[in-house]
Amino acid sequence: MAILISADDIKKKLPDYSPEKAEQYHRESARLADREFENKLKVAGFREVILMSGGAASGKTEFLATHLVNRKNCLILDATLSTEEGAGIKLKKIIKAKKDPIIYAVIPDGLKRAFVAFLHRDRKFSDAHFYKTHSGSRRTLLWIAKNYPDVEMNIVESSYIKGRRLQFSGLKFDSRRLLVSYLSGLQVTEAGIIEQLI
C-alpha cells in the first residue's frame, strides 16, 4: 500500500484544530508535511514518488482515495504544488534520493463548479486561497513540463455526473509539446479567476 502524506491529515492532529480555523493551521501543517516527506524519502523499498497537484477543491483527495491509495510501493504527497520554488525543491530531493518523480494533476472541468465545492467544504479558507492555489498550480505544472522533460506528468480532469458523484478522466498527450500547449492554454491569473467567478 502507498505511503500517504497529507497536510490536511496532519492539521487534524494539531492542538486546538477545528475545520473552521483550517487556514490558521495551514502553514504549520504544510511545514510538518514537508519534513515528513523528506524523512520518508530516505526509506528504501519504494521507487515511485507521486506529487499531487491542483487547486483547492479540485478533487485531489477524492482521486487519491479512488485511484492511487492502493498503489503499491510508492510515496504520495498530497499537495497543491502552487509554487515553482516548492515544486523544484521537492523534485530535486526526489531525484537526489534516486527515486522516480511522478506528477498527478487534477484539473476541475470548471472553476465555478470547483469554487462552489470550495465554499461548501468543512475546512474553511479565505477565497484568496482558492485563487492562489488554482493559478499557482497551473503555472507550476507548465514550469515542470518545460524544465523537467523526463518527469512523468498525468493530467486528470474532474467533473460531476448525475447524482453529484465526482468522476475523473485522464487526458492523453502524444508528445511533450502537446502537453505544454495544453498547459499553456490553462494559465490564468488570480485576477482572471475572480473575473470568471463573477
C-alpha atoms as a PDB file:
ATOM      1  CA  MET A   1       0.000   0.000   0.000  1.00  0.00           C
ATOM      2  CA  ALA A   2       1.130   3.583  -0.652  1.00  0.00           C
ATOM      3  CA  ILE A   3       2.698   5.802   1.985  1.00  0.00           C
ATOM      4  CA  LEU A   4       0.499   8.924   2.007  1.00  0.00           C
ATOM      5  CA  ILE A   5       1.494  12.304   3.410  1.00  0.00           C
ATOM      6  CA  SER A   6      -1.232  14.928   3.613  1.00  0.00           C
ATOM      7  CA  ALA A   7      -1.056  18.353   5.253  1.00  0.00           C
ATOM      8  CA  ASP A   8      -4.830  18.185   5.710  1.00  0.00           C
ATOM      9  CA  ASP A   9      -4.498  14.972   7.725  1.00  0.00           C
ATOM     10  CA  ILE A  10      -1.662  16.500   9.765  1.00  0.00           C
ATOM     11  CA  LYS A  11      -3.842  19.552  10.562  1.00  0.00           C
ATOM     12  CA  LYS A  12      -6.346  17.322  12.339  1.00  0.00           C
ATOM     13  CA  LYS A  13      -3.661  16.252  14.825  1.00  0.00           C
ATOM     14  CA  LEU A  14      -2.577  19.775  15.784  1.00  0.00           C
ATOM     15  CA  PRO A  15      -3.719  21.114  19.185  1.00  0.00           C
ATOM     16  CA  ASP A  16      -6.988  23.107  19.118  1.00  0.00           C
ATOM     17  CA  TYR A  17      -7.527  22.491  15.390  1.00  0.00           C
ATOM     18  CA  SER A  18     -11.053  22.765  14.026  1.00  0.00           C
ATOM     19  CA  PRO A  19     -12.178  22.818  10.365  1.00  0.00           C
ATOM     20  CA  GLU A  20     -13.466  26.396  10.696  1.00  0.00           C
ATOM     21  CA  LYS A  21      -9.905  27.508  11.546  1.00  0.00           C
ATOM     22  CA  ALA A  22      -8.138  25.409   8.875  1.00  0.00           C
ATOM     23  CA  GLU A  23      -6.367  28.354   7.257  1.00  0.00           C
ATOM     24  CA  GLN A  24      -4.723  29.345  10.550  1.00  0.00           C
ATOM     25  CA  TYR A  25      -3.112  25.888  10.720  1.00  0.00           C
ATOM     26  CA  HIS A  26      -2.133  25.600   7.064  1.00  0.00           C
ATOM     27  CA  ARG A  27       1.442  26.901   7.269  1.00  0.00           C
ATOM     28  CA  GLU A  28       2.336  24.661  10.225  1.00  0.00           C
ATOM     29  CA  SER A  29       0.738  21.549   8.734  1.00  0.00           C
ATOM     30  CA  ALA A  30       2.476  22.173   5.382  1.00  0.00           C
ATOM     31  CA  ARG A  31       5.826  22.547   7.160  1.00  0.00           C
ATOM     32  CA  LEU A  32       5.293  19.287   9.058  1.00  0.00           C
ATOM     33  CA  ALA A  33       4.204  17.528   5.839  1.00  0.00           C
ATOM     34  CA  ASP A  34       7.407  18.689   4.103  1.00  0.00           C
ATOM     35  CA  ARG A  35       9.506  17.403   6.990  1.00  0.00           C
ATOM     36  CA  GLU A  36       7.743  14.019   6.947  1.00  0.00           C
ATOM     37  CA  PHE A  37       8.169  13.891   3.170  1.00  0.00           C
ATOM     38  CA  GLU A  38      11.939  14.393   3.495  1.00  0.00           C
ATOM     39  CA  ASN A  39      12.156  11.664   6.142  1.00  0.00           C
ATOM     40  CA  LYS A  40      10.149   9.172   4.082  1.00  0.00           C
ATOM     41  CA  LEU A  41      12.318   9.841   1.013  1.00  0.00           C
ATOM     42  CA  LYS A  42      15.171   8.152   2.878  1.00  0.00           C
ATOM     43  CA  VAL A  43      13.200   4.926   3.194  1.00  0.00           C
ATOM     44  CA  ALA A  44      14.203   2.157   0.811  1.00  0.00           C
ATOM     45  CA  GLY A  45      11.603  -0.172  -0.629  1.00  0.00           C
ATOM     46  CA  PHE A  46       9.755   2.139  -2.972  1.00  0.00           C
ATOM     47  CA  ARG A  47      10.812   3.616  -6.276  1.00  0.00           C
ATOM     48  CA  GLU A  48       7.983   5.958  -7.238  1.00  0.00           C
ATOM     49  CA  VAL A  49       7.210   9.290  -5.583  1.00  0.00           C
ATOM     50  CA  ILE A  50       3.892  10.833  -6.581  1.00  0.00           C
ATOM     51  CA  LEU A  51       3.385  14.577  -6.189  1.00  0.00           C
ATOM     52  CA  MET A  52      -0.256  15.628  -6.346  1.00  0.00           C
ATOM     53  CA  SER A  53      -1.062  18.983  -7.918  1.00  0.00           C
ATOM     54  CA  GLY A  54      -4.188  21.088  -8.205  1.00  0.00           C
ATOM     55  CA  GLY A  55      -6.041  23.968  -6.648  1.00  0.00           C
ATOM     56  CA  ALA A  56      -8.236  23.777  -3.570  1.00  0.00           C
ATOM     57  CA  ALA A  57     -11.405  21.688  -4.074  1.00  0.00           C
ATOM     58  CA  SER A  58     -10.219  20.365  -7.444  1.00  0.00           C
ATOM     59  CA  GLY A  59     -10.877  16.752  -6.382  1.00  0.00           C
ATOM     60  CA  LYS A  60      -7.357  15.630  -5.436  1.00  0.00           C
ATOM     61  CA  THR A  61      -8.357  13.893  -2.221  1.00  0.00           C
ATOM     62  CA  GLU A  62     -11.177  12.004  -3.938  1.00  0.00           C
ATOM     63  CA  PHE A  63      -8.884  10.990  -6.802  1.00  0.00           C
ATOM     64  CA  LEU A  64      -6.306   9.748  -4.322  1.00  0.00           C
ATOM     65  CA  ALA A  65      -8.892   7.702  -2.453  1.00  0.00           C
ATOM     66  CA  THR A  66     -10.335   6.095  -5.582  1.00  0.00           C
ATOM     67  CA  HIS A  67      -7.311   5.739  -7.868  1.00  0.00           C
ATOM     68  CA  LEU A  68      -3.973   5.937  -6.060  1.00  0.00           C
ATOM     69  CA  VAL A  69      -4.136   4.983  -2.390  1.00  0.00           C
ATOM     70  CA  ASN A  70      -3.923   1.239  -3.105  1.00  0.00           C
ATOM     71  CA  ARG A  71      -0.952   1.652  -5.393  1.00  0.00           C
ATOM     72  CA  LYS A  72       1.938  -0.416  -4.079  1.00  0.00           C
ATOM     73  CA  ASN A  73       5.468   0.648  -3.189  1.00  0.00           C
ATOM     74  CA  CYS A  74       5.186   4.382  -3.608  1.00  0.00           C
ATOM     75  CA  LEU A  75       5.213   7.587  -1.610  1.00  0.00           C
ATOM     76  CA  ILE A  76       2.430  10.113  -2.249  1.00  0.00           C
ATOM     77  CA  LEU A  77       2.475  13.775  -1.215  1.00  0.00           C
ATOM     78  CA  ASP A  78      -0.995  15.311  -1.320  1.00  0.00           C
ATOM     79  CA  ALA A  79      -0.257  18.978  -2.039  1.00  0.00           C
ATOM     80  CA  THR A  80      -1.242  21.758  -4.439  1.00  0.00           C
ATOM     81  CA  LEU A  81       2.245  22.400  -5.927  1.00  0.00           C
ATOM     82  CA  SER A  82       1.275  26.046  -6.168  1.00  0.00           C
ATOM     83  CA  THR A  83       4.823  27.440  -6.334  1.00  0.00           C
ATOM     84  CA  GLU A  84       7.632  26.691  -8.746  1.00  0.00           C
ATOM     85  CA  GLU A  85      10.171  27.042  -5.946  1.00  0.00           C
ATOM     86  CA  GLY A  86       8.482  24.444  -3.726  1.00  0.00           C
ATOM     87  CA  ALA A  87       7.986  22.024  -6.617  1.00  0.00           C
ATOM     88  CA  GLY A  88      11.606  22.435  -7.706  1.00  0.00           C
ATOM     89  CA  ILE A  89      12.906  21.670  -4.216  1.00  0.00           C
ATOM     90  CA  LYS A  90      10.775  18.529  -3.984  1.00  0.00           C
ATOM     91  CA  LEU A  91      11.763  17.296  -7.454  1.00  0.00           C
ATOM     92  CA  LYS A  92      15.466  17.803  -6.738  1.00  0.00           C
ATOM     93  CA  LYS A  93      15.192  15.880  -3.472  1.00  0.00           C
ATOM     94  CA  ILE A  94      13.347  13.012  -5.149  1.00  0.00           C
ATOM     95  CA  ILE A  95      15.929  12.780  -7.922  1.00  0.00           C
ATOM     96  CA  LYS A  96      18.805  13.020  -5.413  1.00  0.00           C
ATOM     97  CA  ALA A  97      17.232  10.125  -3.477  1.00  0.00           C
ATOM     98  CA  LYS A  98      17.340   8.135  -6.750  1.00  0.00           C
ATOM     99  CA  LYS A  99      13.559   7.781  -6.878  1.00  0.00           C
ATOM    100  CA  ASP A 100      11.215   8.401  -9.813  1.00  0.00           C
ATOM    101  CA  PRO A 101       9.037  11.532  -9.529  1.00  0.00           C
ATOM    102  CA  ILE A 102       5.532  11.311 -10.985  1.00  0.00           C
ATOM    103  CA  ILE A 103       3.044  14.185 -11.155  1.00  0.00           C
ATOM    104  CA  TYR A 104      -0.704  13.665 -10.902  1.00  0.00           C
ATOM    105  CA  ALA A 105      -2.546  16.936 -11.528  1.00  0.00           C
ATOM    106  CA  VAL A 106      -6.287  17.185 -11.003  1.00  0.00           C
ATOM    107  CA  ILE A 107      -7.889  19.985 -13.030  1.00  0.00           C
ATOM    108  CA  PRO A 108     -11.588  20.772 -12.498  1.00  0.00           C
ATOM    109  CA  ASP A 109     -13.776  20.988 -15.601  1.00  0.00           C
ATOM    110  CA  GLY A 110     -14.870  24.432 -14.419  1.00  0.00           C
ATOM    111  CA  LEU A 111     -13.548  26.888 -11.869  1.00  0.00           C
ATOM    112  CA  LYS A 112     -17.077  27.985 -10.907  1.00  0.00           C
ATOM    113  CA  ARG A 113     -18.023  24.401 -10.067  1.00  0.00           C
ATOM    114  CA  ALA A 114     -14.821  23.960  -8.030  1.00  0.00           C
ATOM    115  CA  PHE A 115     -15.424  27.265  -6.228  1.00  0.00           C
ATOM    116  CA  VAL A 116     -18.911  26.158  -5.163  1.00  0.00           C
ATOM    117  CA  ALA A 117     -17.372  22.955  -3.761  1.00  0.00           C
ATOM    118  CA  PHE A 118     -14.678  25.033  -2.045  1.00  0.00           C
ATOM    119  CA  LEU A 119     -17.294  27.230  -0.334  1.00  0.00           C
ATOM    120  CA  HIS A 120     -19.177  24.183   0.971  1.00  0.00           C
ATOM    121  CA  ARG A 121     -16.207  22.300   2.434  1.00  0.00           C
ATOM    122  CA  ASP A 122     -15.871  21.774   6.180  1.00  0.00           C
ATOM    123  CA  ARG A 123     -12.291  23.105   6.049  1.00  0.00           C
ATOM    124  CA  LYS A 124     -12.594  26.876   5.794  1.00  0.00           C
ATOM    125  CA  PHE A 125     -10.121  29.053   3.883  1.00  0.00           C
ATOM    126  CA  SER A 126     -10.350  32.576   2.504  1.00  0.00           C
ATOM    127  CA  ASP A 127     -11.385  32.982  -1.135  1.00  0.00           C
ATOM    128  CA  ALA A 128      -7.826  34.180  -1.833  1.00  0.00           C
ATOM    129  CA  HIS A 129      -6.564  30.656  -1.045  1.00  0.00           C
ATOM    130  CA  PHE A 130      -8.720  29.292  -3.874  1.00  0.00           C
ATOM    131  CA  TYR A 131      -7.435  31.863  -6.390  1.00  0.00           C
ATOM    132  CA  LYS A 132      -3.808  31.402  -5.344  1.00  0.00           C
ATOM    133  CA  THR A 133      -3.752  27.598  -5.436  1.00  0.00           C
ATOM    134  CA  HIS A 134      -5.536  27.278  -8.793  1.00  0.00           C
ATOM    135  CA  SER A 135      -3.468  29.945 -10.542  1.00  0.00           C
ATOM    136  CA  GLY A 136      -0.215  28.813  -8.919  1.00  0.00           C
ATOM    137  CA  SER A 137      -0.620  25.086  -9.520  1.00  0.00           C
ATOM    138  CA  ARG A 138      -1.307  25.659 -13.233  1.00  0.00           C
ATOM    139  CA  ARG A 139       1.731  27.916 -13.541  1.00  0.00           C
ATOM    140  CA  THR A 140       3.884  25.339 -11.722  1.00  0.00           C
ATOM    141  CA  LEU A 141       2.676  22.480 -13.932  1.00  0.00           C
ATOM    142  CA  LEU A 142       3.716  24.384 -17.041  1.00  0.00           C
ATOM    143  CA  TRP A 143       7.091  25.151 -15.457  1.00  0.00           C
ATOM    144  CA  ILE A 144       7.659  21.463 -14.648  1.00  0.00           C
ATOM    145  CA  ALA A 145       6.627  20.393 -18.152  1.00  0.00           C
ATOM    146  CA  LYS A 146       9.177  22.784 -19.671  1.00  0.00           C
ATOM    147  CA  ASN A 147      12.049  22.315 -17.202  1.00  0.00           C
ATOM    148  CA  TYR A 148      11.761  18.626 -16.289  1.00  0.00           C
ATOM    149  CA  PRO A 149      11.042  16.907 -19.611  1.00  0.00           C
ATOM    150  CA  ASP A 150      11.755  13.441 -18.181  1.00  0.00           C
ATOM    151  CA  VAL A 151       9.287  13.702 -15.309  1.00  0.00           C
ATOM    152  CA  GLU A 152       6.097  11.745 -15.949  1.00  0.00           C
ATOM    153  CA  MET A 153       3.067  14.047 -15.827  1.00  0.00           C
ATOM    154  CA  ASN A 154      -0.509  12.761 -15.607  1.00  0.00           C
ATOM    155  CA  ILE A 155      -3.337  15.243 -16.145  1.00  0.00           C
ATOM    156  CA  VAL A 156      -6.764  14.271 -14.810  1.00  0.00           C
ATOM    157  CA  GLU A 157      -9.955  16.262 -15.322  1.00  0.00           C
ATOM    158  CA  SER A 158     -12.536  16.162 -12.530  1.00  0.00           C
ATOM    159  CA  SER A 159     -16.239  16.668 -13.220  1.00  0.00           C
ATOM    160  CA  TYR A 160     -19.600  15.812 -11.696  1.00  0.00           C
ATOM    161  CA  ILE A 161     -22.084  13.366 -13.144  1.00  0.00           C
ATOM    162  CA  LYS A 162     -25.703  12.690 -12.201  1.00  0.00           C
ATOM    163  CA  GLY A 163     -26.179  12.140  -8.520  1.00  0.00           C
ATOM    164  CA  ARG A 164     -23.412  14.655  -7.692  1.00  0.00           C
ATOM    165  CA  ARG A 165     -20.717  11.994  -7.898  1.00  0.00           C
ATOM    166  CA  LEU A 166     -17.238  13.175  -8.844  1.00  0.00           C
ATOM    167  CA  GLN A 167     -15.660  11.416 -11.828  1.00  0.00           C
ATOM    168  CA  PHE A 168     -12.160  11.579 -13.284  1.00  0.00           C
ATOM    169  CA  SER A 169     -10.916  11.417 -16.870  1.00  0.00           C
ATOM    170  CA  GLY A 170      -7.239  11.017 -17.706  1.00  0.00           C
ATOM    171  CA  LEU A 171      -6.059  13.226 -20.574  1.00  0.00           C
ATOM    172  CA  LYS A 172      -3.532  11.781 -23.035  1.00  0.00           C
ATOM    173  CA  PHE A 173      -0.928  13.732 -24.997  1.00  0.00           C
ATOM    174  CA  ASP A 174       1.112  12.256 -27.852  1.00  0.00           C
ATOM    175  CA  SER A 175       4.094  14.485 -27.126  1.00  0.00           C
ATOM    176  CA  ARG A 176       5.537  16.808 -24.511  1.00  0.00           C
ATOM    177  CA  ARG A 177       4.960  19.661 -26.940  1.00  0.00           C
ATOM    178  CA  LEU A 178       1.200  18.970 -26.913  1.00  0.00           C
ATOM    179  CA  LEU A 179       1.214  18.740 -23.108  1.00  0.00           C
ATOM    180  CA  VAL A 180       2.999  22.109 -22.886  1.00  0.00           C
ATOM    181  CA  SER A 181       0.487  23.576 -25.345  1.00  0.00           C
ATOM    182  CA  TYR A 182      -2.439  22.300 -23.258  1.00  0.00           C
ATOM    183  CA  LEU A 183      -0.944  23.626 -20.011  1.00  0.00           C
ATOM    184  CA  SER A 184      -0.196  26.978 -21.678  1.00  0.00           C
ATOM    185  CA  GLY A 185      -3.887  27.278 -22.514  1.00  0.00           C
ATOM    186  CA  LEU A 186      -4.834  26.621 -18.875  1.00  0.00           C
ATOM    187  CA  GLN A 187      -2.869  29.554 -17.495  1.00  0.00           C
ATOM    188  CA  VAL A 188      -4.916  32.077 -15.548  1.00  0.00           C
ATOM    189  CA  THR A 189      -4.026  34.810 -13.081  1.00  0.00           C
ATOM    190  CA  GLU A 190      -5.690  35.193  -9.706  1.00  0.00           C
ATOM    191  CA  ALA A 191      -7.482  38.267 -11.090  1.00  0.00           C
ATOM    192  CA  GLY A 192      -8.553  36.207 -14.102  1.00  0.00           C
ATOM    193  CA  ILE A 193     -10.106  33.607 -11.788  1.00  0.00           C
ATOM    194  CA  ILE A 194     -12.033  36.280  -9.948  1.00  0.00           C
ATOM    195  CA  GLU A 195     -13.368  37.566 -13.295  1.00  0.00           C
ATOM    196  CA  GLN A 196     -14.508  34.051 -14.239  1.00  0.00           C
ATOM    197  CA  LEU A 197     -16.381  33.684 -10.954  1.00  0.00           C
ATOM    198  CA  ILE A 198     -18.303  36.947 -11.223  1.00  0.00           C
END
